[in-house]
Protein backbone atom coordinates (compact mmCIF):
# COMPACT_ATOMS: atom_id res chain seq x y z
CA MET A 1 -10.76 35.87 -36.00
CA SER A 2 -13.02 38.48 -34.40
CA GLU A 3 -14.97 37.76 -31.25
CA ASP A 4 -18.28 37.81 -33.13
CA MET A 5 -16.98 35.38 -35.74
CA LEU A 6 -15.58 33.15 -33.01
CA THR A 7 -18.98 33.09 -31.31
CA LEU A 8 -20.66 32.22 -34.62
CA VAL A 9 -18.25 29.37 -35.32
CA TRP A 10 -18.67 28.05 -31.78
CA SER A 11 -22.47 28.18 -32.07
CA ILE A 12 -22.43 26.31 -35.39
CA THR A 13 -20.06 23.68 -34.00
CA VAL A 14 -22.31 23.05 -31.02
CA SER A 15 -25.68 23.15 -32.80
CA ILE A 16 -24.70 21.08 -35.87
CA PHE A 17 -24.91 17.99 -33.67
CA ALA A 18 -28.64 18.56 -33.15
CA VAL A 19 -29.15 19.07 -36.89
CA GLY A 20 -27.55 15.71 -37.61
CA GLY A 21 -29.57 14.09 -34.83
CA MET A 22 -32.83 15.39 -36.26
CA ILE A 23 -32.03 14.04 -39.74
CA GLY A 24 -30.95 10.70 -38.29
CA GLY A 25 -34.07 10.35 -36.17
CA ILE A 26 -36.39 11.10 -39.07
CA SER A 27 -34.63 8.75 -41.51
CA GLY A 28 -34.19 5.88 -39.04
CA GLY A 29 -37.53 4.27 -39.88
CA ALA A 30 -36.89 4.28 -43.63
CA ILE A 31 -33.46 2.71 -43.15
CA ALA A 32 -34.89 0.07 -40.81
CA ASP A 33 -37.53 -0.90 -43.37
CA TYR A 34 -35.15 -0.86 -46.33
CA CYS A 35 -32.20 -2.86 -45.02
CA GLY A 36 -33.39 -4.20 -41.66
CA ARG A 37 -32.71 -3.33 -38.04
CA LYS A 38 -29.41 -5.19 -37.81
CA CYS A 39 -28.00 -3.96 -41.12
CA GLY A 40 -29.16 -0.45 -40.28
CA LEU A 41 -27.17 -0.53 -37.05
CA LEU A 42 -24.10 -1.86 -38.87
CA PHE A 43 -24.37 0.96 -41.40
CA ASN A 44 -24.74 3.45 -38.57
CA ASN A 45 -21.47 2.30 -37.03
CA ALA A 46 -19.66 3.30 -40.20
CA ILE A 47 -21.13 6.79 -39.84
CA ALA A 48 -20.00 6.95 -36.19
CA ILE A 49 -16.46 5.88 -37.13
CA LEU A 50 -16.34 8.55 -39.85
CA GLY A 51 -17.55 11.25 -37.46
CA ALA A 52 -15.15 10.29 -34.67
CA THR A 53 -12.22 10.19 -37.11
CA LEU A 54 -13.04 13.63 -38.50
CA MET A 55 -13.39 15.21 -35.06
CA SER A 56 -10.24 13.64 -33.70
CA SER A 57 -8.15 14.55 -36.75
CA SER A 58 -9.35 18.16 -36.86
CA HIS A 59 -6.56 19.09 -34.46
CA LEU A 60 -3.98 17.44 -36.70
CA PHE A 61 -5.20 19.26 -39.83
CA ARG A 62 -5.93 22.52 -37.97
CA SER A 63 -9.38 22.52 -39.54
CA ILE A 64 -12.49 23.77 -37.80
CA GLU A 65 -14.50 22.58 -40.82
CA CYS A 66 -13.35 19.04 -40.11
CA LEU A 67 -14.61 19.35 -36.53
CA ILE A 68 -18.00 20.72 -37.63
CA ILE A 69 -18.54 18.01 -40.25
CA GLY A 70 -17.46 15.35 -37.76
CA ARG A 71 -19.98 16.57 -35.20
CA PHE A 72 -22.69 16.49 -37.86
CA PHE A 73 -21.96 12.83 -38.60
CA ILE A 74 -21.85 11.98 -34.90
CA GLY A 75 -25.24 13.68 -34.47
CA LEU A 76 -26.55 11.75 -37.47
CA SER A 77 -25.31 8.52 -35.88
CA CYS A 78 -26.94 9.33 -32.54
CA GLY A 79 -30.23 10.12 -34.25
CA LEU A 80 -30.19 6.80 -36.09
CA ASN A 81 -29.34 5.01 -32.86
CA THR A 82 -32.31 6.52 -31.05
CA ALA A 83 -34.59 5.13 -33.77
CA LEU A 84 -32.95 1.78 -34.52
CA VAL A 85 -31.79 0.50 -31.13
CA PRO A 86 -35.15 0.66 -29.28
CA MET A 87 -36.87 -0.74 -32.36
CA TYR A 88 -34.53 -3.72 -32.50
CA LEU A 89 -34.70 -4.35 -28.75
CA SER A 90 -38.50 -4.30 -28.64
CA GLU A 91 -38.84 -6.69 -31.57
CA ILE A 92 -36.48 -9.32 -30.19
CA ALA A 93 -37.70 -9.14 -26.57
CA PRO A 94 -40.45 -11.33 -25.10
CA MET A 95 -43.38 -9.42 -23.66
CA THR A 96 -42.33 -10.11 -20.06
CA LEU A 97 -38.96 -8.42 -20.64
CA ARG A 98 -40.02 -5.74 -23.10
CA GLY A 99 -39.95 -2.91 -20.59
CA ALA A 100 -36.62 -3.89 -19.03
CA LEU A 101 -34.88 -4.36 -22.37
CA GLY A 102 -36.36 -1.12 -23.65
CA THR A 103 -34.66 0.66 -20.76
CA VAL A 104 -31.26 -0.74 -21.76
CA ASN A 105 -31.02 1.93 -24.44
CA GLN A 106 -31.46 4.73 -21.91
CA LEU A 107 -29.01 3.00 -19.58
CA GLY A 108 -26.41 3.06 -22.35
CA VAL A 109 -27.04 6.77 -22.89
CA THR A 110 -26.56 7.63 -19.22
CA ILE A 111 -23.41 5.51 -19.00
CA GLY A 112 -22.03 7.31 -22.04
CA LEU A 113 -22.77 10.70 -20.47
CA LEU A 114 -21.07 9.65 -17.24
CA LEU A 115 -17.96 8.42 -19.06
CA SER A 116 -17.75 11.66 -21.03
CA GLN A 117 -17.89 13.64 -17.79
CA ILE A 118 -15.13 11.56 -16.22
CA LEU A 119 -12.87 11.55 -19.27
CA GLY A 120 -13.42 15.29 -19.70
CA LEU A 121 -11.77 16.11 -16.38
CA SER A 122 -8.62 18.20 -16.66
CA GLN A 123 -6.71 15.40 -14.93
CA ILE A 124 -7.58 12.97 -17.75
CA LEU A 125 -8.37 14.15 -21.31
CA GLY A 126 -9.89 17.57 -20.71
CA THR A 127 -6.68 19.37 -21.68
CA GLU A 128 -5.37 21.29 -24.68
CA ASP A 129 -3.49 18.22 -25.90
CA GLY A 130 -6.02 15.62 -24.79
CA TRP A 131 -9.29 16.82 -26.32
CA PRO A 132 -8.67 15.22 -29.76
CA PHE A 133 -8.41 11.84 -28.04
CA LEU A 134 -11.56 12.60 -26.04
CA LEU A 135 -13.52 13.28 -29.23
CA GLY A 136 -12.11 10.11 -30.77
CA VAL A 137 -13.42 7.88 -27.97
CA ALA A 138 -16.64 7.40 -29.98
CA PHE A 139 -14.54 5.30 -32.35
CA ILE A 140 -14.23 2.51 -29.76
CA PRO A 141 -17.89 1.46 -29.23
CA ALA A 142 -18.55 1.73 -32.97
CA VAL A 143 -15.75 -0.69 -33.80
CA LEU A 144 -16.80 -2.98 -30.95
CA GLN A 145 -20.36 -3.15 -32.26
CA LEU A 146 -19.11 -3.82 -35.79
CA MET A 147 -17.37 -6.91 -34.44
CA LEU A 148 -20.17 -8.18 -32.18
CA LEU A 149 -23.41 -7.26 -33.97
CA PRO A 150 -22.91 -9.68 -36.91
CA GLN A 151 -23.20 -12.51 -34.36
CA CYS A 152 -26.70 -11.34 -33.35
CA PRO A 153 -29.86 -12.44 -35.22
CA GLU A 154 -31.98 -10.09 -37.28
CA SER A 155 -35.38 -9.08 -35.91
CA PRO A 156 -37.79 -12.02 -36.45
CA ARG A 157 -40.66 -9.60 -36.85
CA TYR A 158 -38.87 -7.79 -39.65
CA LEU A 159 -37.93 -11.05 -41.37
CA LEU A 160 -41.45 -12.50 -41.26
CA ILE A 161 -43.77 -9.52 -41.61
CA SER A 162 -41.68 -7.17 -43.75
CA LYS A 163 -39.83 -9.74 -45.87
CA GLY A 164 -41.94 -12.90 -45.60
CA ARG A 165 -38.95 -15.10 -44.73
CA LEU A 166 -40.53 -17.72 -42.49
CA THR A 167 -37.51 -20.02 -42.25
CA GLU A 168 -35.10 -17.23 -41.31
CA ALA A 169 -37.57 -15.75 -38.83
CA THR A 170 -38.03 -19.15 -37.17
CA TYR A 171 -34.28 -19.65 -36.88
CA ALA A 172 -33.82 -16.16 -35.41
CA LEU A 173 -36.55 -16.80 -32.83
CA GLN A 174 -35.00 -20.13 -31.88
CA ARG A 175 -31.68 -18.40 -31.23
CA LEU A 176 -33.30 -15.63 -29.22
CA ARG A 177 -35.58 -17.87 -27.13
CA CYS A 178 -33.00 -20.69 -26.77
CA THR A 179 -35.67 -23.23 -27.73
CA THR A 180 -36.98 -24.86 -30.88
CA ASN A 181 -40.59 -24.44 -29.78
CA VAL A 182 -41.40 -21.03 -31.27
CA GLU A 183 -44.59 -21.93 -33.14
CA ASP A 184 -46.74 -19.73 -30.90
CA ASP A 185 -44.58 -16.67 -31.58
CA ILE A 186 -44.63 -17.34 -35.31
CA GLU A 187 -48.40 -17.78 -35.30
CA GLU A 188 -48.94 -14.53 -33.43
CA MET A 189 -46.81 -12.64 -35.92
CA ARG A 190 -48.74 -14.20 -38.81
CA ILE A 191 -52.02 -13.15 -37.19
CA GLU A 192 -50.64 -9.65 -36.84
CA ASP A 193 -49.53 -9.62 -40.47
CA ARG A 194 -52.98 -10.79 -41.57
CA ALA A 195 -54.64 -8.11 -39.48
CA GLN A 196 -52.44 -5.39 -40.94
CA GLN A 197 -53.33 -6.41 -44.47
CA GLN A 198 -57.06 -6.23 -43.67
CA GLU A 199 -56.90 -2.86 -41.96
CA ALA A 200 -57.47 0.42 -43.73
CA LYS A 201 -54.44 2.64 -44.16
CA ILE A 202 -54.71 6.33 -43.46
CA THR A 203 -52.59 9.39 -44.15
CA MET A 204 -51.01 11.73 -41.64
CA LEU A 205 -53.82 14.24 -42.19
CA GLN A 206 -56.42 11.55 -41.52
CA LEU A 207 -54.51 10.59 -38.39
CA ILE A 208 -54.90 14.11 -37.06
CA LYS A 209 -58.59 14.26 -37.97
CA ASN A 210 -59.52 10.77 -36.76
CA ARG A 211 -60.95 11.12 -33.25
CA SER A 212 -60.12 7.53 -32.34
CA LEU A 213 -56.42 8.15 -33.01
CA GLN A 214 -56.16 11.64 -31.57
CA THR A 215 -55.83 10.38 -28.00
CA PRO A 216 -52.76 8.16 -28.55
CA LEU A 217 -51.22 10.88 -30.74
CA ILE A 218 -51.68 13.52 -28.04
CA ILE A 219 -50.44 11.20 -25.29
CA GLY A 220 -47.33 10.25 -27.24
CA THR A 221 -46.57 13.92 -27.97
CA VAL A 222 -47.09 15.04 -24.39
CA MET A 223 -44.94 12.17 -23.10
CA GLN A 224 -42.05 13.41 -25.21
CA LEU A 225 -42.64 16.99 -24.11
CA SER A 226 -42.68 15.88 -20.47
CA GLN A 227 -39.15 14.59 -20.96
CA GLN A 228 -37.72 17.51 -22.91
CA LEU A 229 -39.45 20.27 -20.90
CA SER A 230 -38.77 18.73 -17.49
CA GLY A 231 -35.58 20.79 -17.19
CA ILE A 232 -33.23 17.80 -17.13
CA ASN A 233 -31.18 19.16 -20.02
CA ALA A 234 -30.78 22.52 -18.33
CA ILE A 235 -29.79 20.79 -15.10
CA PHE A 236 -27.29 18.59 -16.89
CA TYR A 237 -25.71 21.35 -18.99
CA TYR A 238 -25.48 23.91 -16.19
CA SER A 239 -24.99 21.65 -13.18
CA THR A 240 -21.39 22.80 -12.72
CA ASN A 241 -22.48 26.45 -12.65
CA ILE A 242 -25.28 25.62 -10.23
CA PHE A 243 -22.87 23.91 -7.85
CA THR A 244 -20.49 26.85 -8.15
CA ILE A 245 -23.31 29.25 -7.24
CA ALA A 246 -24.06 27.03 -4.25
CA GLY A 247 -20.58 27.82 -2.94
CA LEU A 248 -18.52 24.87 -4.15
CA GLY A 249 -15.07 25.37 -5.64
CA ASP A 250 -14.42 24.77 -9.32
CA ASP A 251 -12.91 21.31 -8.87
CA LEU A 252 -15.53 20.19 -6.37
CA ALA A 253 -18.30 21.49 -8.64
CA LYS A 254 -16.98 19.32 -11.49
CA TYR A 255 -16.90 16.25 -9.27
CA SER A 256 -20.43 17.03 -8.08
CA THR A 257 -21.54 17.12 -11.71
CA ILE A 258 -20.08 13.65 -12.11
CA GLY A 259 -22.19 12.69 -9.11
CA VAL A 260 -25.27 13.80 -11.06
CA GLY A 261 -24.21 11.46 -13.85
CA VAL A 262 -23.79 8.59 -11.38
CA VAL A 263 -27.33 9.16 -10.07
CA MET A 264 -28.68 9.06 -13.64
CA VAL A 265 -27.03 5.68 -14.23
CA LEU A 266 -28.28 4.29 -10.92
CA MET A 267 -31.85 5.41 -11.55
CA SER A 268 -31.74 3.88 -15.03
CA LEU A 269 -30.84 0.59 -13.38
CA VAL A 270 -33.69 1.00 -10.88
CA SER A 271 -36.12 1.73 -13.73
CA MET A 272 -34.96 -1.38 -15.54
CA MET A 273 -35.73 -3.55 -12.52
CA LEU A 274 -39.10 -1.93 -11.78
CA MET A 275 -40.41 -1.37 -15.31
CA ASP A 276 -42.26 -4.67 -15.67
CA ARG A 277 -43.19 -4.88 -11.97
CA THR A 278 -44.49 -1.45 -11.05
CA GLY A 279 -45.66 -0.32 -14.47
CA ARG A 280 -44.69 2.46 -16.87
CA ARG A 281 -47.37 4.95 -15.86
CA THR A 282 -46.62 4.61 -12.14
CA LEU A 283 -42.89 5.13 -12.64
CA HIS A 284 -43.51 8.15 -14.83
CA LEU A 285 -45.81 9.70 -12.24
CA TYR A 286 -43.23 9.21 -9.50
CA GLY A 287 -40.53 10.65 -11.73
CA LEU A 288 -42.54 13.73 -12.66
CA GLY A 289 -43.61 14.27 -9.06
CA GLY A 290 -40.07 13.96 -7.76
CA MET A 291 -38.71 16.35 -10.37
CA PHE A 292 -41.49 18.83 -9.64
CA ILE A 293 -40.55 18.92 -5.95
CA THR A 294 -36.80 19.16 -6.58
CA SER A 295 -37.27 21.78 -9.30
CA MET A 296 -39.38 23.85 -6.93
CA PHE A 297 -36.70 23.67 -4.23
CA LEU A 298 -34.00 24.49 -6.77
CA THR A 299 -35.91 27.60 -7.85
CA ILE A 300 -36.36 28.69 -4.23
CA PHE A 301 -32.71 28.17 -3.38
CA LEU A 302 -31.55 30.05 -6.47
CA LEU A 303 -33.50 33.08 -5.26
CA PHE A 304 -30.50 33.65 -3.04
CA GLY A 305 -28.01 33.32 -5.88
CA LYS A 306 -26.24 36.34 -7.33
CA ALA A 307 -24.66 34.99 -10.48
CA MET A 308 -27.76 33.48 -12.09
CA ASP A 309 -31.25 34.62 -12.89
CA LYS A 310 -33.25 33.69 -9.82
CA TYR A 311 -36.30 32.49 -11.74
CA ALA A 312 -34.42 30.36 -14.29
CA PHE A 313 -36.02 27.03 -13.35
CA LEU A 314 -39.51 28.28 -12.47
CA PRO A 315 -40.95 27.46 -15.95
CA PHE A 316 -39.71 23.88 -15.66
CA THR A 317 -41.45 23.57 -12.31
CA GLY A 318 -44.73 24.60 -13.90
CA PHE A 319 -44.27 22.22 -16.83
CA LEU A 320 -43.65 19.31 -14.48
CA ALA A 321 -46.85 20.02 -12.57
CA ILE A 322 -48.85 20.10 -15.82
CA PHE A 323 -47.29 16.88 -17.11
CA TRP A 324 -47.92 15.07 -13.82
CA ILE A 325 -51.61 16.00 -13.94
CA PHE A 326 -51.87 14.96 -17.60
CA THR A 327 -50.17 11.61 -16.97
CA TYR A 328 -52.38 10.86 -13.96
CA PHE A 329 -55.68 11.51 -15.75
CA LYS A 330 -54.95 10.66 -19.39
CA VAL A 331 -52.19 8.04 -19.64
CA PRO A 332 -53.26 4.40 -19.15
CA GLU A 333 -51.04 1.73 -17.63
CA THR A 334 -49.52 -0.64 -20.21
CA LYS A 335 -47.92 -3.12 -17.84
CA ASN A 336 -48.31 -6.76 -18.98
CA ARG A 337 -50.34 -5.75 -22.03
CA THR A 338 -49.56 -6.66 -25.61
CA PHE A 339 -49.19 -4.08 -28.36
CA GLU A 340 -52.65 -4.96 -29.69
CA GLU A 341 -54.21 -4.51 -26.26
CA ILE A 342 -52.51 -1.12 -25.92
CA SER A 343 -53.90 -0.04 -29.29
CA ALA A 344 -57.37 -1.22 -28.24
CA LEU A 345 -57.27 1.09 -25.22
CA PHE A 346 -57.51 4.05 -27.58
CA ARG A 347 -59.63 2.57 -30.33
CA LYS A 348 -63.22 3.81 -30.36
CA ASP A 349 -66.31 2.37 -31.96
CA GLY A 350 -69.02 4.30 -33.72
CA SER A 351 -70.56 5.42 -30.42
CA ASP A 352 -67.26 6.90 -29.21
CA ASN A 353 -66.87 4.23 -26.55
CA LEU A 354 -63.61 2.45 -26.01
CA ILE A 355 -63.62 -1.18 -27.13
CA PRO A 356 -63.14 -3.33 -24.02
CA ILE A 357 -59.74 -4.94 -23.75
CA ASP A 358 -61.31 -8.41 -23.72
CA ASP A 359 -62.72 -7.82 -27.21
CA VAL A 360 -59.26 -7.76 -28.71
CA GLY A 361 -58.39 -11.38 -28.07
CA GLY A 362 -55.44 -12.64 -26.09
CA GLY A 363 -55.07 -12.13 -22.39
CA GLY A 364 -52.32 -10.52 -20.41
CA GLY A 365 -50.01 -13.41 -21.16
CA SER A 366 -50.30 -13.06 -24.92
CA GLN A 367 -47.21 -11.95 -26.77
CA GLN A 368 -48.81 -10.35 -29.81
CA GLN A 369 -46.82 -7.34 -30.91
CA PHE A 370 -47.25 -4.92 -33.76
CA ASN A 371 -44.38 -4.34 -36.12
CA GLY A 372 -43.58 -0.66 -36.27
CA GLN A 373 -44.45 -0.10 -32.61
CA THR A 374 -41.08 0.34 -31.07
CA PRO A 375 -39.85 1.89 -27.82
CA THR A 376 -37.29 4.50 -28.17
CA THR A 377 -35.71 7.50 -25.96
CA GLY A 378 -37.85 10.15 -27.70
CA GLN A 379 -37.55 9.17 -31.25
CA PRO A 380 -39.89 8.53 -34.17
CA SER A 381 -40.75 4.97 -34.99
CA GLN A 382 -40.12 3.33 -38.31
CA SER A 383 -41.24 5.97 -40.77
CA GLY A 384 -40.81 8.88 -38.43
CA LEU A 385 -44.55 9.20 -37.84
CA GLY A 386 -46.66 8.22 -34.88
CA SER A 387 -45.83 8.59 -31.23
CA HIS A 388 -44.40 6.58 -28.40
CA ASN A 389 -42.96 6.83 -24.93
CA SER A 390 -39.19 6.39 -25.13
CA SER A 391 -38.64 6.18 -21.42
CA THR A 392 -41.05 3.31 -20.86
CA GLY A 393 -40.63 1.15 -23.91
CA ASP A 394 -44.34 1.37 -24.90
CA ILE A 395 -45.89 3.06 -27.89
CA TYR A 396 -49.34 4.44 -28.33
CA SER A 397 -49.80 4.47 -32.10
CA HIS A 398 -49.99 1.57 -34.51
CA LYS A 399 -48.14 1.55 -37.82
CA SER A 400 -47.59 -1.09 -40.42
CA SER A 401 -44.19 -2.39 -41.42
CA SER A 402 -44.25 -0.11 -44.47
CA GLY A 403 -44.62 2.94 -42.26
CA ASP A 404 -48.30 3.57 -43.05
CA ILE A 405 -50.53 4.32 -40.11
CA ILE A 406 -53.34 1.80 -39.84
CA PHE A 407 -56.64 1.67 -38.01
CA ALA A 408 -58.66 -1.46 -37.33
CA ASP A 409 -62.37 -1.51 -36.85
CA GLU A 410 -64.03 -3.93 -34.43
CA ARG A 411 -64.91 -6.43 -37.17
CA THR A 412 -61.28 -6.67 -38.23
CA LEU A 413 -60.26 -7.32 -34.65
CA GLU A 414 -62.88 -10.05 -34.39
CA LYS A 415 -61.34 -11.78 -37.39
CA CYS A 416 -57.95 -11.63 -35.73
CA LYS A 417 -59.20 -13.80 -32.87
CA ASN A 418 -59.39 -16.84 -35.11
CA PRO A 419 -56.08 -18.72 -35.16
CA ILE A 420 -54.30 -18.72 -38.50
CA ARG A 421 -52.02 -21.64 -39.24
CA PRO A 422 -48.51 -20.49 -40.23
CA GLN A 423 -47.78 -21.24 -43.88
CA SER A 424 -44.72 -23.12 -44.94
CA ASP A 425 -42.15 -21.64 -47.32
CA GLN A 426 -43.60 -23.75 -50.17
CA GLU A 427 -47.12 -22.46 -49.49
CA GLN A 428 -45.83 -18.91 -49.44
CA GLU A 429 -44.25 -19.34 -52.88
CA GLN A 430 -47.51 -20.78 -54.26
CA SER A 431 -49.50 -17.88 -52.85
């Protein structure tokens, strides 16, 4: 195989993961609506097992095609996970723990990255004979989840709002809350369902044109850009080279890269503890500010490097400054606010004034949540449309359980204030 062909095959092998991830992220919402959050995750484990098996066995069959297809399925599985896991966590969590539980997904990602760095050392599995076993490690968590996930309840919000199964939703809530007194949660979900049915549905084009929805759409988009354009991926991928340029030996540079992974895990734990105390916006501002300072120093220090372009990280420094300014002036705090209250922050009346938060109904202690508004690590919500902040566990666009984007006027919100008695299963059948 020529050098050019080898480069092409290597590029396809590396990039096919992202292709699978994109497809998985886009289709995650449809799968969640069709078969449920829990069943969607179970189905996704089968994809992960298939991908890990193909990658691991590619060495046995001497097949590069097997490796490429396996990486595609692993990317597909990761994309589905980024859509399904935050969705499931947000819908089973009480409002007081929504931020912390939303961070669990990111914690799992950072732990996985750290384990891959450790296992990839030449002293462990990073060898000519060990790499098939390294690629097959993904088989283990998939099998583990296949055994444990069936013991977990399905999302009560999905059962009640999407499927209308009041009895099953009540039982799931009782298991999750460890109490039989879940009438308030059921009533809030019924109010939400009633509100969604009364609200006008709009298309994606109308979403873009509607001035009252442009703000949450822009904020959600910029929040995702602030993560991807912060330079963290470049730092993570090239950290070993950066440490080598700094004068460290090859082995020490690899161990220093593992240190970067350890810091990521530790900061995920810190974010989990502070999410519902400090607030999402505050944490994001501190994170952007800290990365701006460190990126600036990294750019300055690399001016003295010889083996790397001295201005490599300067664009990331500029992006971080822009995102910090945007977050400070445009992004509201969502701490201790329900999904409906968050939506009301961006909803405008006919005079282009924001509807006050008190007009929505339900104070800070209310646990009203909108189905379809799910925290994720940079992933589309149920139908792949809308926007949200994956790192904070809060979303800024409102979608119905069917994936349609909905917009409520002030009169609809006023109707939602009136309590609606939950119907029994018999009443549902009659209706």
